C-alpha cells in the first residue's frame, strides 16, 4: 500500500501542472554549493518522508562531497 502511494505521489509530481517539486529541485540544484558552504564542515542532513529522495540526492551530491557518510539505525531522536 505505501509503495503504491509513493508511486502515485511521484506520478503526480511529474505532471506539468504540478510545479512545486520541480521548483524545489531547481532551487536546490542551483544553490547546492552555497548550501554546502553555509552549513559548514560538521553538517547533518535529516530528511523525514523523502519519498524517492530525489531532493536529498541533490544535497548529498555536493554537501557531502569528501565527507564521511553514516546511516544511523534506531536513532534515539526518532523514538
Protein backbone atom coordinates (compact mmCIF):
# COMPACT_ATOMS: atom_id res chain seq x y z
CA UNK A 1 0.00 0.00 0.00
CA UNK A 2 2.70 2.51 0.96
CA UNK A 3 4.69 1.78 -2.20
CA UNK A 4 1.60 2.45 -4.32
CA UNK A 5 1.05 5.77 -2.55
CA UNK A 6 4.68 6.76 -3.12
CA UNK A 7 4.42 5.83 -6.80
CA UNK A 8 1.20 7.84 -7.10
CA UNK A 9 2.83 10.86 -5.46
CA UNK A 10 5.85 10.59 -7.78
CA UNK A 11 3.50 10.38 -10.78
CA UNK A 12 1.65 13.50 -9.57
CA UNK A 13 4.89 15.44 -9.11
CA UNK A 14 5.88 14.60 -12.69
CA UNK A 15 2.74 16.25 -14.09
CA UNK A 16 3.31 19.52 -15.95
CA UNK A 17 0.65 21.17 -13.79
CA UNK A 18 2.46 20.30 -10.55
CA UNK A 19 5.32 22.75 -10.23
CA UNK A 20 6.36 22.77 -6.51
CA UNK A 21 8.65 19.74 -6.67
CA UNK A 22 10.26 20.88 -9.94
CA UNK A 23 10.77 24.34 -8.44
CA UNK A 24 12.32 22.91 -5.27
CA UNK A 25 14.66 20.69 -7.30
CA UNK A 26 15.68 23.65 -9.45
CA UNK A 27 16.44 25.84 -6.42
CA UNK A 28 18.40 23.06 -4.73
CA UNK A 29 20.37 22.32 -7.89
CA UNK A 30 21.32 25.94 -8.45
CA UNK A 31 22.12 26.66 -4.78
CA UNK A 32 23.63 23.37 -3.57
CA UNK A 33 27.20 24.71 -3.46
CA UNK A 34 26.11 27.71 -1.39
CA UNK A 35 24.02 25.49 0.90
CA UNK A 36 27.04 23.22 1.47
CA UNK A 37 29.25 26.22 2.29
CA UNK A 38 26.71 27.73 4.69
CA UNK A 39 26.11 24.51 6.60
CA UNK A 40 29.78 24.12 7.40
CA UNK A 41 32.07 21.17 7.89
CA UNK A 42 30.11 19.29 10.59
CA UNK A 43 26.74 19.09 8.90
CA UNK A 44 23.91 16.67 9.47
CA UNK A 45 21.19 16.20 6.88
CA UNK A 46 17.92 14.67 8.06
CA UNK A 47 15.10 14.06 5.63
CA UNK A 48 11.83 12.75 7.00
CA UNK A 49 9.39 11.27 4.50
CA UNK A 50 11.57 11.94 1.50
CA UNK A 51 9.65 9.71 -0.91
CA UNK A 52 12.07 8.89 -3.72
CA UNK A 53 14.81 11.00 -2.05
CA UNK A 54 15.36 12.94 -5.29
CA UNK A 55 15.93 16.23 -3.48
CA UNK A 56 18.06 14.54 -0.83
CA UNK A 57 20.32 13.15 -3.55
CA UNK A 58 20.84 16.69 -4.88
CA UNK A 59 22.06 17.84 -1.47
CA UNK A 60 24.17 14.77 -0.90
CA UNK A 61 25.82 15.10 -4.30
CA UNK A 62 27.58 18.28 -3.20
CA UNK A 63 27.00 18.83 0.51
CA UNK A 64 28.54 15.51 1.46
CA UNK A 65 31.40 15.65 -1.03
CA UNK A 66 34.61 14.47 0.66
CA UNK A 67 32.77 13.82 3.93
CA UNK A 68 32.26 10.52 5.70
CA UNK A 69 28.71 9.31 5.38
CA UNK A 70 26.93 7.36 8.08
CA UNK A 71 23.47 5.94 8.19
CA UNK A 72 22.09 5.65 11.69
CA UNK A 73 19.60 2.94 12.52
CA UNK A 74 17.44 3.03 15.63
CA UNK A 75 18.17 6.71 16.19
CA UNK A 76 17.10 7.65 19.73
CA UNK A 77 15.82 11.00 18.46
CA UNK A 78 13.30 9.17 16.28
CA UNK A 79 11.87 7.17 19.16
